[in-house]
Amino acid sequence: MKSDIRVCSAWRDAHDRPVYTLSASCPECGADAENSAPAPFDPNDPHGEYRRSLKRRNR
């Protein structure tokens, strides 16, 4: 799942602070915008299935 909020990919070079937007490009400099949130889990985690099942079992 991706976040709707994006951040300018060139904010370190072009801006003083991060520029957040909902569009695919930065409104100030026109650079591409990228997903601002990290993934909640690693899809390549080999033990993720076991960790999630253990968490469901302990509820």
PDB file of N, CA and C in Angstrom:
ATOM      1  N   MET A   1       0.837  -1.171   0.000  1.00  0.00           N
ATOM      2  CA  MET A   1       0.000   0.000   0.000  1.00  0.00           C
ATOM      3  C   MET A   1       0.884   1.236   0.000  1.00  0.00           C
ATOM      4  N   LYS A   2       0.588   2.150  -0.880  1.00  0.00           N
ATOM      5  CA  LYS A   2       1.367   3.375  -0.954  1.00  0.00           C
ATOM      6  C   LYS A   2       0.604   4.515  -0.296  1.00  0.00           C
ATOM      7  N   SER A   3       1.363   5.454   0.200  1.00  0.00           N
ATOM      8  CA  SER A   3       0.776   6.640   0.794  1.00  0.00           C
ATOM      9  C   SER A   3       0.417   7.626  -0.304  1.00  0.00           C
ATOM     10  N   ASP A   4      -0.618   8.428  -0.107  1.00  0.00           N
ATOM     11  CA  ASP A   4      -0.988   9.451  -1.071  1.00  0.00           C
ATOM     12  C   ASP A   4      -0.078  10.667  -0.967  1.00  0.00           C
ATOM     13  N   ILE A   5       0.548  10.857   0.167  1.00  0.00           N
ATOM     14  CA  ILE A   5       1.409  12.011   0.372  1.00  0.00           C
ATOM     15  C   ILE A   5       2.782  11.715  -0.204  1.00  0.00           C
ATOM     16  N   ARG A   6       3.268  12.625  -1.036  1.00  0.00           N
ATOM     17  CA  ARG A   6       4.567  12.463  -1.680  1.00  0.00           C
ATOM     18  C   ARG A   6       5.472  13.620  -1.290  1.00  0.00           C
ATOM     19  N   VAL A   7       6.770  13.406  -1.437  1.00  0.00           N
ATOM     20  CA  VAL A   7       7.758  14.429  -1.129  1.00  0.00           C
ATOM     21  C   VAL A   7       8.622  14.641  -2.366  1.00  0.00           C
ATOM     22  N   CYS A   8       9.085  15.851  -2.575  1.00  0.00           N
ATOM     23  CA  CYS A   8       9.934  16.186  -3.712  1.00  0.00           C
ATOM     24  C   CYS A   8      11.211  15.352  -3.640  1.00  0.00           C
ATOM     25  N   SER A   9      11.585  14.714  -4.744  1.00  0.00           N
ATOM     26  CA  SER A   9      12.767  13.856  -4.742  1.00  0.00           C
ATOM     27  C   SER A   9      14.065  14.660  -4.677  1.00  0.00           C
ATOM     28  N   ALA A  10      14.017  15.923  -5.041  1.00  0.00           N
ATOM     29  CA  ALA A  10      15.222  16.765  -5.037  1.00  0.00           C
ATOM     30  C   ALA A  10      15.170  17.816  -3.941  1.00  0.00           C
ATOM     31  N   TRP A  11      14.489  17.540  -2.840  1.00  0.00           N
ATOM     32  CA  TRP A  11      14.311  18.594  -1.833  1.00  0.00           C
ATOM     33  C   TRP A  11      15.612  18.946  -1.134  1.00  0.00           C
ATOM     34  N   ARG A  12      16.546  18.021  -1.023  1.00  0.00           N
ATOM     35  CA  ARG A  12      17.821  18.327  -0.355  1.00  0.00           C
ATOM     36  C   ARG A  12      18.655  19.308  -1.165  1.00  0.00           C
ATOM     37  N   ASP A  13      18.525  19.251  -2.485  1.00  0.00           N
ATOM     38  CA  ASP A  13      19.298  20.128  -3.351  1.00  0.00           C
ATOM     39  C   ASP A  13      18.571  21.425  -3.678  1.00  0.00           C
ATOM     40  N   ALA A  14      17.254  21.366  -3.853  1.00  0.00           N
ATOM     41  CA  ALA A  14      16.502  22.511  -4.370  1.00  0.00           C
ATOM     42  C   ALA A  14      15.751  23.312  -3.310  1.00  0.00           C
ATOM     43  N   HIS A  15      15.525  22.755  -2.131  1.00  0.00           N
ATOM     44  CA  HIS A  15      14.692  23.418  -1.122  1.00  0.00           C
ATOM     45  C   HIS A  15      15.388  23.431   0.235  1.00  0.00           C
ATOM     46  N   ASP A  16      14.925  24.323   1.111  1.00  0.00           N
ATOM     47  CA  ASP A  16      15.449  24.386   2.479  1.00  0.00           C
ATOM     48  C   ASP A  16      14.867  23.291   3.357  1.00  0.00           C
ATOM     49  N   ARG A  17      13.661  22.882   3.035  1.00  0.00           N
ATOM     50  CA  ARG A  17      12.969  21.862   3.821  1.00  0.00           C
ATOM     51  C   ARG A  17      12.182  20.975   2.873  1.00  0.00           C
ATOM     52  N   PRO A  18      11.702  19.829   3.326  1.00  0.00           N
ATOM     53  CA  PRO A  18      10.935  18.946   2.438  1.00  0.00           C
ATOM     54  C   PRO A  18       9.654  19.614   1.944  1.00  0.00           C
ATOM     55  N   VAL A  19       9.336  19.397   0.686  1.00  0.00           N
ATOM     56  CA  VAL A  19       8.111  19.917   0.085  1.00  0.00           C
ATOM     57  C   VAL A  19       7.195  18.729  -0.173  1.00  0.00           C
ATOM     58  N   TYR A  20       6.047  18.708   0.499  1.00  0.00           N
ATOM     59  CA  TYR A  20       5.095  17.607   0.383  1.00  0.00           C
ATOM     60  C   TYR A  20       3.987  17.993  -0.589  1.00  0.00           C
ATOM     61  N   THR A  21       3.490  17.021  -1.324  1.00  0.00           N
ATOM     62  CA  THR A  21       2.446  17.258  -2.314  1.00  0.00           C
ATOM     63  C   THR A  21       1.613  15.996  -2.507  1.00  0.00           C
ATOM     64  N   LEU A  22       0.478  16.133  -3.150  1.00  0.00           N
ATOM     65  CA  LEU A  22      -0.357  14.991  -3.499  1.00  0.00           C
ATOM     66  C   LEU A  22      -0.193  14.627  -4.976  1.00  0.00           C
ATOM     67  N   SER A  23       0.453  15.487  -5.756  1.00  0.00           N
ATOM     68  CA  SER A  23       0.618  15.234  -7.184  1.00  0.00           C
ATOM     69  C   SER A  23       1.886  14.424  -7.452  1.00  0.00           C
ATOM     70  N   ALA A  24       2.115  14.088  -8.710  1.00  0.00           N
ATOM     71  CA  ALA A  24       3.266  13.264  -9.090  1.00  0.00           C
ATOM     72  C   ALA A  24       4.541  14.089  -9.254  1.00  0.00           C
ATOM     73  N   SER A  25       4.419  15.423  -9.251  1.00  0.00           N
ATOM     74  CA  SER A  25       5.603  16.270  -9.384  1.00  0.00           C
ATOM     75  C   SER A  25       5.565  17.386  -8.347  1.00  0.00           C
ATOM     76  N   CYS A  26       6.732  17.944  -8.058  1.00  0.00           N
ATOM     77  CA  CYS A  26       6.856  19.007  -7.066  1.00  0.00           C
ATOM     78  C   CYS A  26       6.224  20.292  -7.605  1.00  0.00           C
ATOM     79  N   PRO A  27       5.372  20.962  -6.829  1.00  0.00           N
ATOM     80  CA  PRO A  27       4.743  22.186  -7.319  1.00  0.00           C
ATOM     81  C   PRO A  27       5.711  23.366  -7.410  1.00  0.00           C
ATOM     82  N   GLU A  28       6.827  23.315  -6.711  1.00  0.00           N
ATOM     83  CA  GLU A  28       7.767  24.440  -6.705  1.00  0.00           C
ATOM     84  C   GLU A  28       8.859  24.314  -7.760  1.00  0.00           C
ATOM     85  N   CYS A  29       9.457  23.118  -7.905  1.00  0.00           N
ATOM     86  CA  CYS A  29      10.586  22.977  -8.830  1.00  0.00           C
ATOM     87  C   CYS A  29      10.297  22.064 -10.016  1.00  0.00           C
ATOM     88  N   GLY A  30       9.210  21.300  -9.973  1.00  0.00           N
ATOM     89  CA  GLY A  30       8.848  20.430 -11.083  1.00  0.00           C
ATOM     90  C   GLY A  30       9.523  19.064 -11.073  1.00  0.00           C
ATOM     91  N   ALA A  31      10.332  18.767 -10.065  1.00  0.00           N
ATOM     92  CA  ALA A  31      10.984  17.454  -9.982  1.00  0.00           C
ATOM     93  C   ALA A  31       9.960  16.382  -9.640  1.00  0.00           C
ATOM     94  N   ASP A  32      10.302  15.142  -9.903  1.00  0.00           N
ATOM     95  CA  ASP A  32       9.415  14.029  -9.568  1.00  0.00           C
ATOM     96  C   ASP A  32       9.207  13.952  -8.064  1.00  0.00           C
ATOM     97  N   ALA A  33       8.006  13.550  -7.669  1.00  0.00           N
ATOM     98  CA  ALA A  33       7.697  13.349  -6.256  1.00  0.00           C
ATOM     99  C   ALA A  33       7.702  11.858  -5.977  1.00  0.00           C
ATOM    100  N   GLU A  34       8.222  11.486  -4.812  1.00  0.00           N
ATOM    101  CA  GLU A  34       8.299  10.072  -4.450  1.00  0.00           C
ATOM    102  C   GLU A  34       7.508   9.825  -3.183  1.00  0.00           C
ATOM    103  N   ASN A  35       7.204   8.578  -2.925  1.00  0.00           N
ATOM    104  CA  ASN A  35       6.446   8.169  -1.750  1.00  0.00           C
ATOM    105  C   ASN A  35       7.193   8.608  -0.489  1.00  0.00           C
ATOM    106  N   SER A  36       6.502   9.267   0.422  1.00  0.00           N
ATOM    107  CA  SER A  36       7.167   9.805   1.602  1.00  0.00           C
ATOM    108  C   SER A  36       7.220   8.842   2.772  1.00  0.00           C
ATOM    109  N   ALA A  37       6.418   7.791   2.743  1.00  0.00           N
ATOM    110  CA  ALA A  37       6.367   6.858   3.867  1.00  0.00           C
ATOM    111  C   ALA A  37       7.098   5.563   3.533  1.00  0.00           C
ATOM    112  N   PRO A  38       7.829   5.014   4.475  1.00  0.00           N
ATOM    113  CA  PRO A  38       8.457   3.719   4.212  1.00  0.00           C
ATOM    114  C   PRO A  38       7.409   2.607   4.223  1.00  0.00           C
ATOM    115  N   ALA A  39       7.733   1.501   3.642  1.00  0.00           N
ATOM    116  CA  ALA A  39       6.821   0.364   3.644  1.00  0.00           C
ATOM    117  C   ALA A  39       6.612  -0.122   5.074  1.00  0.00           C
ATOM    118  N   PRO A  40       5.394  -0.547   5.456  1.00  0.00           N
ATOM    119  CA  PRO A  40       5.153  -0.997   6.824  1.00  0.00           C
ATOM    120  C   PRO A  40       5.847  -2.320   7.143  1.00  0.00           C
ATOM    121  N   PHE A  41       6.213  -3.086   6.112  1.00  0.00           N
ATOM    122  CA  PHE A  41       6.938  -4.336   6.308  1.00  0.00           C
ATOM    123  C   PHE A  41       7.716  -4.627   5.035  1.00  0.00           C
ATOM    124  N   ASP A  42       8.707  -5.466   5.138  1.00  0.00           N
ATOM    125  CA  ASP A  42       9.511  -5.852   3.988  1.00  0.00           C
ATOM    126  C   ASP A  42       8.832  -7.027   3.290  1.00  0.00           C
ATOM    127  N   PRO A  43       8.417  -6.885   2.035  1.00  0.00           N
ATOM    128  CA  PRO A  43       7.749  -7.997   1.361  1.00  0.00           C
ATOM    129  C   PRO A  43       8.673  -9.194   1.124  1.00  0.00           C
ATOM    130  N   ASN A  44       9.976  -8.993   1.198  1.00  0.00           N
ATOM    131  CA  ASN A  44      10.927 -10.087   0.993  1.00  0.00           C
ATOM    132  C   ASN A  44      11.373 -10.733   2.301  1.00  0.00           C
ATOM    133  N   ASP A  45      10.732 -10.379   3.417  1.00  0.00           N
ATOM    134  CA  ASP A  45      11.087 -10.933   4.718  1.00  0.00           C
ATOM    135  C   ASP A  45      10.755 -12.421   4.755  1.00  0.00           C
ATOM    136  N   PRO A  46      11.754 -13.296   4.904  1.00  0.00           N
ATOM    137  CA  PRO A  46      11.483 -14.729   4.867  1.00  0.00           C
ATOM    138  C   PRO A  46      10.715 -15.235   6.087  1.00  0.00           C
ATOM    139  N   HIS A  47      10.738 -14.514   7.187  1.00  0.00           N
ATOM    140  CA  HIS A  47      10.074 -14.962   8.415  1.00  0.00           C
ATOM    141  C   HIS A  47       8.832 -14.132   8.741  1.00  0.00           C
ATOM    142  N   GLY A  48       8.416 -13.250   7.840  1.00  0.00           N
ATOM    143  CA  GLY A  48       7.273 -12.375   8.088  1.00  0.00           C
ATOM    144  C   GLY A  48       5.974 -13.124   8.292  1.00  0.00           C
ATOM    145  N   GLU A  49       5.780 -14.193   7.523  1.00  0.00           N
ATOM    146  CA  GLU A  49       4.556 -14.981   7.655  1.00  0.00           C
ATOM    147  C   GLU A  49       4.433 -15.567   9.060  1.00  0.00           C
ATOM    148  N   TYR A  50       5.513 -16.087   9.598  1.00  0.00           N
ATOM    149  CA  TYR A  50       5.505 -16.680  10.936  1.00  0.00           C
ATOM    150  C   TYR A  50       5.304 -15.610  12.008  1.00  0.00           C
ATOM    151  N   ARG A  51       5.926 -14.467  11.824  1.00  0.00           N
ATOM    152  CA  ARG A  51       5.799 -13.377  12.798  1.00  0.00           C
ATOM    153  C   ARG A  51       4.363 -12.867  12.865  1.00  0.00           C
ATOM    154  N   ARG A  52       3.723 -12.723  11.687  1.00  0.00           N
ATOM    155  CA  ARG A  52       2.340 -12.243  11.663  1.00  0.00           C
ATOM    156  C   ARG A  52       1.380 -13.282  12.239  1.00  0.00           C
ATOM    157  N   SER A  53       1.607 -14.571  11.955  1.00  0.00           N
ATOM    158  CA  SER A  53       0.717 -15.603  12.504  1.00  0.00           C
ATOM    159  C   SER A  53       0.861 -15.699  14.024  1.00  0.00           C
ATOM    160  N   LEU A  54       2.071 -15.537  14.530  1.00  0.00           N
ATOM    161  CA  LEU A  54       2.288 -15.548  15.975  1.00  0.00           C
ATOM    162  C   LEU A  54       1.598 -14.356  16.626  1.00  0.00           C
ATOM    163  N   LYS A  55       1.636 -13.210  15.975  1.00  0.00           N
ATOM    164  CA  LYS A  55       0.975 -12.024  16.514  1.00  0.00           C
ATOM    165  C   LYS A  55      -0.543 -12.212  16.551  1.00  0.00           C
ATOM    166  N   ARG A  56      -1.110 -12.841  15.503  1.00  0.00           N
ATOM    167  CA  ARG A  56      -2.551 -13.106  15.495  1.00  0.00           C
ATOM    168  C   ARG A  56      -2.921 -14.119  16.572  1.00  0.00           C
ATOM    169  N   ARG A  57      -2.079 -15.101  16.813  1.00  0.00           N
ATOM    170  CA  ARG A  57      -2.355 -16.151  17.792  1.00  0.00           C
ATOM    171  C   ARG A  57      -2.336 -15.598  19.221  1.00  0.00           C
ATOM    172  N   ASN A  58      -1.495 -14.591  19.489  1.00  0.00           N
ATOM    173  CA  ASN A  58      -1.360 -14.053  20.838  1.00  0.00           C
ATOM    174  C   ASN A  58      -2.420 -13.018  21.185  1.00  0.00           C
ATOM    175  N   ARG A  59      -3.317 -12.715  20.283  1.00  0.00           N
ATOM    176  CA  ARG A  59      -4.350 -11.709  20.585  1.00  0.00           C
ATOM    177  C   ARG A  59      -5.414 -12.239  21.460  1.00  0.00           C
TER     178      ARG A  59
END
